[in-house]
Amino acid sequence: MTEEQSENRPPDPQGRFAGMPYDFRKPTVSRVKSRMWNRDDQRLFTPKSFGWGYDLNLYWLAHPGEFVKSRRK
């Protein structure tokens, strides 16, 4: 993995409970941004930056055409 890819990769959640990710660490701007607005993350549903469950990667909602194109690769 290149240095640029590792910078854009969202951090892993703190853990999992009942199959759902959780992260109760203090949220940081970079973690919130990497999970809620990240073109490099192909997932529409990403682990919450704080709490239990999933959030939406809003980048893909704002760019639905690119989301479809990224799935065809």
PDB file of N, CA and C in Angstrom:
ATOM      1  N   MET A   1       0.849  -1.167   0.000  1.00  0.00           N
ATOM      2  CA  MET A   1       0.000   0.000   0.000  1.00  0.00           C
ATOM      3  C   MET A   1       0.900   1.237   0.000  1.00  0.00           C
ATOM      4  N   THR A   2       0.579   2.194  -0.876  1.00  0.00           N
ATOM      5  CA  THR A   2       1.395   3.395  -0.950  1.00  0.00           C
ATOM      6  C   THR A   2       1.038   4.326   0.199  1.00  0.00           C
ATOM      7  N   GLU A   3       1.884   5.320   0.405  1.00  0.00           N
ATOM      8  CA  GLU A   3       1.662   6.265   1.492  1.00  0.00           C
ATOM      9  C   GLU A   3       0.361   7.045   1.275  1.00  0.00           C
ATOM     10  N   GLU A   4       0.068   7.412   0.015  1.00  0.00           N
ATOM     11  CA  GLU A   4      -1.154   8.157  -0.284  1.00  0.00           C
ATOM     12  C   GLU A   4      -2.390   7.313   0.015  1.00  0.00           C
ATOM     13  N   GLN A   5      -2.352   6.029  -0.336  1.00  0.00           N
ATOM     14  CA  GLN A   5      -3.493   5.160  -0.070  1.00  0.00           C
ATOM     15  C   GLN A   5      -3.724   5.000   1.421  1.00  0.00           C
ATOM     16  N   SER A   6      -2.646   4.881   2.196  1.00  0.00           N
ATOM     17  CA  SER A   6      -2.811   4.709   3.636  1.00  0.00           C
ATOM     18  C   SER A   6      -3.356   5.976   4.287  1.00  0.00           C
ATOM     19  N   GLU A   7      -3.057   7.164   3.729  1.00  0.00           N
ATOM     20  CA  GLU A   7      -3.594   8.410   4.266  1.00  0.00           C
ATOM     21  C   GLU A   7      -5.090   8.520   4.003  1.00  0.00           C
ATOM     22  N   ASN A   8      -5.558   8.029   2.856  1.00  0.00           N
ATOM     23  CA  ASN A   8      -6.959   8.137   2.480  1.00  0.00           C
ATOM     24  C   ASN A   8      -7.814   7.013   3.049  1.00  0.00           C
ATOM     25  N   ARG A   9      -7.185   5.983   3.563  1.00  0.00           N
ATOM     26  CA  ARG A   9      -7.918   4.830   4.093  1.00  0.00           C
ATOM     27  C   ARG A   9      -8.554   5.207   5.422  1.00  0.00           C
ATOM     28  N   PRO A  10      -9.858   4.970   5.553  1.00  0.00           N
ATOM     29  CA  PRO A  10     -10.482   5.300   6.835  1.00  0.00           C
ATOM     30  C   PRO A  10      -9.958   4.395   7.938  1.00  0.00           C
ATOM     31  N   PRO A  11      -9.816   4.931   9.153  1.00  0.00           N
ATOM     32  CA  PRO A  11      -9.328   4.100  10.253  1.00  0.00           C
ATOM     33  C   PRO A  11     -10.336   3.009  10.598  1.00  0.00           C
ATOM     34  N   ASP A  12      -9.827   1.900  11.069  1.00  0.00           N
ATOM     35  CA  ASP A  12     -10.695   0.796  11.458  1.00  0.00           C
ATOM     36  C   ASP A  12     -11.502   1.184  12.695  1.00  0.00           C
ATOM     37  N   PRO A  13     -12.720   0.629  12.819  1.00  0.00           N
ATOM     38  CA  PRO A  13     -13.492   0.907  14.033  1.00  0.00           C
ATOM     39  C   PRO A  13     -12.806   0.278  15.244  1.00  0.00           C
ATOM     40  N   GLN A  14     -13.169   0.722  16.420  1.00  0.00           N
ATOM     41  CA  GLN A  14     -12.564   0.242  17.655  1.00  0.00           C
ATOM     42  C   GLN A  14     -12.854  -1.236  17.870  1.00  0.00           C
ATOM     43  N   GLY A  15     -14.028  -1.693  17.482  1.00  0.00           N
ATOM     44  CA  GLY A  15     -14.385  -3.090  17.659  1.00  0.00           C
ATOM     45  C   GLY A  15     -15.741  -3.392  17.044  1.00  0.00           C
ATOM     46  N   ARG A  16     -16.246  -4.602  17.336  1.00  0.00           N
ATOM     47  CA  ARG A  16     -17.560  -5.016  16.834  1.00  0.00           C
ATOM     48  C   ARG A  16     -18.338  -5.664  17.964  1.00  0.00           C
ATOM     49  N   PHE A  17     -19.659  -5.432  17.945  1.00  0.00           N
ATOM     50  CA  PHE A  17     -20.562  -6.066  18.887  1.00  0.00           C
ATOM     51  C   PHE A  17     -21.814  -6.442  18.112  1.00  0.00           C
ATOM     52  N   ALA A  18     -22.198  -7.714  18.194  1.00  0.00           N
ATOM     53  CA  ALA A  18     -23.359  -8.233  17.465  1.00  0.00           C
ATOM     54  C   ALA A  18     -23.239  -7.963  15.966  1.00  0.00           C
ATOM     55  N   GLY A  19     -22.015  -8.023  15.449  1.00  0.00           N
ATOM     56  CA  GLY A  19     -21.787  -7.850  14.023  1.00  0.00           C
ATOM     57  C   GLY A  19     -21.767  -6.408  13.546  1.00  0.00           C
ATOM     58  N   MET A  20     -21.966  -5.459  14.449  1.00  0.00           N
ATOM     59  CA  MET A  20     -21.991  -4.033  14.088  1.00  0.00           C
ATOM     60  C   MET A  20     -20.731  -3.368  14.633  1.00  0.00           C
ATOM     61  N   PRO A  21     -20.123  -2.483  13.835  1.00  0.00           N
ATOM     62  CA  PRO A  21     -18.921  -1.796  14.320  1.00  0.00           C
ATOM     63  C   PRO A  21     -19.267  -0.731  15.361  1.00  0.00           C
ATOM     64  N   TYR A  22     -18.332  -0.517  16.284  1.00  0.00           N
ATOM     65  CA  TYR A  22     -18.497   0.563  17.256  1.00  0.00           C
ATOM     66  C   TYR A  22     -17.174   1.279  17.426  1.00  0.00           C
ATOM     67  N   ASP A  23     -17.254   2.525  17.815  1.00  0.00           N
ATOM     68  CA  ASP A  23     -16.069   3.332  18.072  1.00  0.00           C
ATOM     69  C   ASP A  23     -16.464   4.410  19.072  1.00  0.00           C
ATOM     70  N   PHE A  24     -15.991   4.284  20.307  1.00  0.00           N
ATOM     71  CA  PHE A  24     -16.329   5.241  21.344  1.00  0.00           C
ATOM     72  C   PHE A  24     -15.141   6.140  21.694  1.00  0.00           C
ATOM     73  N   ARG A  25     -14.137   6.163  20.813  1.00  0.00           N
ATOM     74  CA  ARG A  25     -13.046   7.113  20.997  1.00  0.00           C
ATOM     75  C   ARG A  25     -13.545   8.508  20.630  1.00  0.00           C
ATOM     76  N   LYS A  26     -12.886   9.522  21.169  1.00  0.00           N
ATOM     77  CA  LYS A  26     -13.255  10.899  20.863  1.00  0.00           C
ATOM     78  C   LYS A  26     -13.142  11.115  19.346  1.00  0.00           C
ATOM     79  N   PRO A  27     -14.211  11.602  18.691  1.00  0.00           N
ATOM     80  CA  PRO A  27     -14.144  11.804  17.239  1.00  0.00           C
ATOM     81  C   PRO A  27     -13.130  12.887  16.882  1.00  0.00           C
ATOM     82  N   THR A  28     -12.442  12.677  15.781  1.00  0.00           N
ATOM     83  CA  THR A  28     -11.525  13.679  15.254  1.00  0.00           C
ATOM     84  C   THR A  28     -12.040  14.133  13.898  1.00  0.00           C
ATOM     85  N   VAL A  29     -11.629  15.300  13.464  1.00  0.00           N
ATOM     86  CA  VAL A  29     -12.064  15.830  12.173  1.00  0.00           C
ATOM     87  C   VAL A  29     -11.654  14.881  11.053  1.00  0.00           C
ATOM     88  N   SER A  30     -10.436  14.370  11.103  1.00  0.00           N
ATOM     89  CA  SER A  30      -9.967  13.489  10.021  1.00  0.00           C
ATOM     90  C   SER A  30     -10.751  12.178   9.989  1.00  0.00           C
ATOM     91  N   ARG A  31     -11.118  11.625  11.146  1.00  0.00           N
ATOM     92  CA  ARG A  31     -11.880  10.380  11.168  1.00  0.00           C
ATOM     93  C   ARG A  31     -13.299  10.604  10.654  1.00  0.00           C
ATOM     94  N   VAL A  32     -13.929  11.698  11.065  1.00  0.00           N
ATOM     95  CA  VAL A  32     -15.279  11.997  10.585  1.00  0.00           C
ATOM     96  C   VAL A  32     -15.258  12.210   9.080  1.00  0.00           C
ATOM     97  N   LYS A  33     -14.295  12.966   8.597  1.00  0.00           N
ATOM     98  CA  LYS A  33     -14.196  13.226   7.154  1.00  0.00           C
ATOM     99  C   LYS A  33     -13.936  11.937   6.377  1.00  0.00           C
ATOM    100  N   SER A  34     -13.062  11.092   6.886  1.00  0.00           N
ATOM    101  CA  SER A  34     -12.719   9.864   6.150  1.00  0.00           C
ATOM    102  C   SER A  34     -13.868   8.870   6.115  1.00  0.00           C
ATOM    103  N   ARG A  35     -14.803   8.991   7.027  1.00  0.00           N
ATOM    104  CA  ARG A  35     -15.941   8.065   7.040  1.00  0.00           C
ATOM    105  C   ARG A  35     -17.192   8.650   6.411  1.00  0.00           C
ATOM    106  N   MET A  36     -17.323   9.979   6.391  1.00  0.00           N
ATOM    107  CA  MET A  36     -18.563  10.571   5.880  1.00  0.00           C
ATOM    108  C   MET A  36     -18.416  11.245   4.522  1.00  0.00           C
ATOM    109  N   TRP A  37     -17.187  11.513   4.072  1.00  0.00           N
ATOM    110  CA  TRP A  37     -16.981  12.149   2.763  1.00  0.00           C
ATOM    111  C   TRP A  37     -15.649  11.650   2.212  1.00  0.00           C
ATOM    112  N   ASN A  38     -15.670  10.459   1.632  1.00  0.00           N
ATOM    113  CA  ASN A  38     -14.423   9.850   1.185  1.00  0.00           C
ATOM    114  C   ASN A  38     -14.618   9.156  -0.160  1.00  0.00           C
ATOM    115  N   ARG A  39     -14.081   9.764  -1.187  1.00  0.00           N
ATOM    116  CA  ARG A  39     -14.178   9.196  -2.538  1.00  0.00           C
ATOM    117  C   ARG A  39     -13.410   7.880  -2.639  1.00  0.00           C
ATOM    118  N   ASP A  40     -12.356   7.734  -1.868  1.00  0.00           N
ATOM    119  CA  ASP A  40     -11.494   6.561  -1.966  1.00  0.00           C
ATOM    120  C   ASP A  40     -12.075   5.329  -1.268  1.00  0.00           C
ATOM    121  N   ASP A  41     -13.116   5.504  -0.474  1.00  0.00           N
ATOM    122  CA  ASP A  41     -13.769   4.387   0.201  1.00  0.00           C
ATOM    123  C   ASP A  41     -14.969   3.977  -0.643  1.00  0.00           C
ATOM    124  N   GLN A  42     -14.965   2.764  -1.161  1.00  0.00           N
ATOM    125  CA  GLN A  42     -15.998   2.300  -2.078  1.00  0.00           C
ATOM    126  C   GLN A  42     -17.322   1.976  -1.391  1.00  0.00           C
ATOM    127  N   ARG A  43     -17.345   1.989  -0.060  1.00  0.00           N
ATOM    128  CA  ARG A  43     -18.567   1.626   0.672  1.00  0.00           C
ATOM    129  C   ARG A  43     -19.526   2.811   0.763  1.00  0.00           C
ATOM    130  N   LEU A  44     -20.810   2.525   0.634  1.00  0.00           N
ATOM    131  CA  LEU A  44     -21.842   3.540   0.861  1.00  0.00           C
ATOM    132  C   LEU A  44     -22.113   3.664   2.359  1.00  0.00           C
ATOM    133  N   PHE A  45     -22.103   2.546   3.065  1.00  0.00           N
ATOM    134  CA  PHE A  45     -22.296   2.528   4.518  1.00  0.00           C
ATOM    135  C   PHE A  45     -20.946   2.292   5.179  1.00  0.00           C
ATOM    136  N   THR A  46     -20.522   3.232   6.003  1.00  0.00           N
ATOM    137  CA  THR A  46     -19.235   3.146   6.680  1.00  0.00           C
ATOM    138  C   THR A  46     -19.463   3.109   8.197  1.00  0.00           C
ATOM    139  N   PRO A  47     -18.513   2.573   8.948  1.00  0.00           N
ATOM    140  CA  PRO A  47     -18.662   2.577  10.412  1.00  0.00           C
ATOM    141  C   PRO A  47     -18.774   4.006  10.946  1.00  0.00           C
ATOM    142  N   LYS A  48     -19.589   4.191  11.961  1.00  0.00           N
ATOM    143  CA  LYS A  48     -19.743   5.521  12.563  1.00  0.00           C
ATOM    144  C   LYS A  48     -18.406   6.012  13.112  1.00  0.00           C
ATOM    145  N   SER A  49     -18.200   7.316  13.047  1.00  0.00           N
ATOM    146  CA  SER A  49     -16.984   7.879  13.635  1.00  0.00           C
ATOM    147  C   SER A  49     -17.108   7.952  15.152  1.00  0.00           C
ATOM    148  N   PHE A  50     -18.335   7.928  15.675  1.00  0.00           N
ATOM    149  CA  PHE A  50     -18.555   7.829  17.118  1.00  0.00           C
ATOM    150  C   PHE A  50     -19.884   7.119  17.334  1.00  0.00           C
ATOM    151  N   GLY A  51     -19.868   6.059  18.104  1.00  0.00           N
ATOM    152  CA  GLY A  51     -21.090   5.334  18.406  1.00  0.00           C
ATOM    153  C   GLY A  51     -21.070   3.921  17.848  1.00  0.00           C
ATOM    154  N   TRP A  52     -22.264   3.362  17.717  1.00  0.00           N
ATOM    155  CA  TRP A  52     -22.421   1.972  17.285  1.00  0.00           C
ATOM    156  C   TRP A  52     -23.264   1.944  16.034  1.00  0.00           C
ATOM    157  N   GLY A  53     -22.789   1.276  14.993  1.00  0.00           N
ATOM    158  CA  GLY A  53     -23.556   1.140  13.762  1.00  0.00           C
ATOM    159  C   GLY A  53     -22.850   1.743  12.565  1.00  0.00           C
ATOM    160  N   TYR A  54     -23.650   2.213  11.625  1.00  0.00           N
ATOM    161  CA  TYR A  54     -23.125   2.700  10.353  1.00  0.00           C
ATOM    162  C   TYR A  54     -23.606   4.117  10.055  1.00  0.00           C
ATOM    163  N   ASP A  55     -22.800   4.843   9.280  1.00  0.00           N
ATOM    164  CA  ASP A  55     -23.148   6.142   8.710  1.00  0.00           C
ATOM    165  C   ASP A  55     -23.127   6.008   7.200  1.00  0.00           C
ATOM    166  N   LEU A  56     -23.573   7.033   6.526  1.00  0.00           N
ATOM    167  CA  LEU A  56     -23.502   7.066   5.070  1.00  0.00           C
ATOM    168  C   LEU A  56     -22.263   7.823   4.632  1.00  0.00           C
ATOM    169  N   ASN A  57     -21.627   7.331   3.580  1.00  0.00           N
ATOM    170  CA  ASN A  57     -20.553   8.062   2.930  1.00  0.00           C
ATOM    171  C   ASN A  57     -21.254   9.044   1.998  1.00  0.00           C
ATOM    172  N   LEU A  58     -21.429  10.278   2.444  1.00  0.00           N
ATOM    173  CA  LEU A  58     -22.220  11.267   1.730  1.00  0.00           C
ATOM    174  C   LEU A  58     -21.646  11.631   0.366  1.00  0.00           C
ATOM    175  N   TYR A  59     -20.358  11.376   0.160  1.00  0.00           N
ATOM    176  CA  TYR A  59     -19.764  11.653  -1.154  1.00  0.00           C
ATOM    177  C   TYR A  59     -20.521  10.898  -2.236  1.00  0.00           C
ATOM    178  N   TRP A  60     -20.846   9.636  -1.968  1.00  0.00           N
ATOM    179  CA  TRP A  60     -21.508   8.822  -2.991  1.00  0.00           C
ATOM    180  C   TRP A  60     -22.954   9.253  -3.204  1.00  0.00           C
ATOM    181  N   LEU A  61     -23.612   9.821  -2.207  1.00  0.00           N
ATOM    182  CA  LEU A  61     -24.963  10.342  -2.401  1.00  0.00           C
ATOM    183  C   LEU A  61     -24.944  11.615  -3.248  1.00  0.00           C
ATOM    184  N   ALA A  62     -23.880  12.404  -3.116  1.00  0.00           N
ATOM    185  CA  ALA A  62     -23.751  13.629  -3.905  1.00  0.00           C
ATOM    186  C   ALA A  62     -23.279  13.347  -5.333  1.00  0.00           C
ATOM    187  N   HIS A  63     -22.672  12.184  -5.566  1.00  0.00           N
ATOM    188  CA  HIS A  63     -22.140  11.818  -6.879  1.00  0.00           C
ATOM    189  C   HIS A  63     -22.604  10.406  -7.258  1.00  0.00           C
ATOM    190  N   PRO A  64     -23.903  10.201  -7.470  1.00  0.00           N
ATOM    191  CA  PRO A  64     -24.405   8.842  -7.738  1.00  0.00           C
ATOM    192  C   PRO A  64     -23.859   8.233  -9.026  1.00  0.00           C
ATOM    193  N   GLY A  65     -23.596   9.051 -10.031  1.00  0.00           N
ATOM    194  CA  GLY A  65     -23.040   8.517 -11.285  1.00  0.00           C
ATOM    195  C   GLY A  65     -21.661   7.907 -11.073  1.00  0.00           C
ATOM    196  N   GLU A  66     -20.849   8.567 -10.275  1.00  0.00           N
ATOM    197  CA  GLU A  66     -19.515   8.045  -9.983  1.00  0.00           C
ATOM    198  C   GLU A  66     -19.612   6.767  -9.137  1.00  0.00           C
ATOM    199  N   PHE A  67     -20.614   6.692  -8.263  1.00  0.00           N
ATOM    200  CA  PHE A  67     -20.788   5.489  -7.454  1.00  0.00           C
ATOM    201  C   PHE A  67     -21.073   4.286  -8.360  1.00  0.00           C
ATOM    202  N   VAL A  68     -21.947   4.471  -9.339  1.00  0.00           N
ATOM    203  CA  VAL A  68     -22.278   3.388 -10.259  1.00  0.00           C
ATOM    204  C   VAL A  68     -21.048   3.003 -11.068  1.00  0.00           C
ATOM    205  N   LYS A  69     -20.302   3.990 -11.567  1.00  0.00           N
ATOM    206  CA  LYS A  69     -19.083   3.712 -12.339  1.00  0.00           C
ATOM    207  C   LYS A  69     -18.058   2.951 -11.500  1.00  0.00           C
ATOM    208  N   SER A  70     -17.910   3.331 -10.232  1.00  0.00           N
ATOM    209  CA  SER A  70     -16.916   2.665  -9.383  1.00  0.00           C
ATOM    210  C   SER A  70     -17.288   1.214  -9.129  1.00  0.00           C
ATOM    211  N   ARG A  71     -18.551   0.887  -9.158  1.00  0.00           N
ATOM    212  CA  ARG A  71     -19.003  -0.500  -8.943  1.00  0.00           C
ATOM    213  C   ARG A  71     -18.787  -1.363 -10.172  1.00  0.00           C
ATOM    214  N   ARG A  72     -18.659  -0.771 -11.335  1.00  0.00           N
ATOM    215  CA  ARG A  72     -18.489  -1.533 -12.581  1.00  0.00           C
ATOM    216  C   ARG A  72     -17.034  -1.904 -12.845  1.00  0.00           C
ATOM    217  N   LYS A  73     -16.104  -1.342 -12.108  1.00  0.00           N
ATOM    218  CA  LYS A  73     -14.673  -1.639 -12.336  1.00  0.00           C
ATOM    219  C   LYS A  73     -14.332  -3.029 -11.935  1.00  0.00           C
TER     220      LYS A  73
END
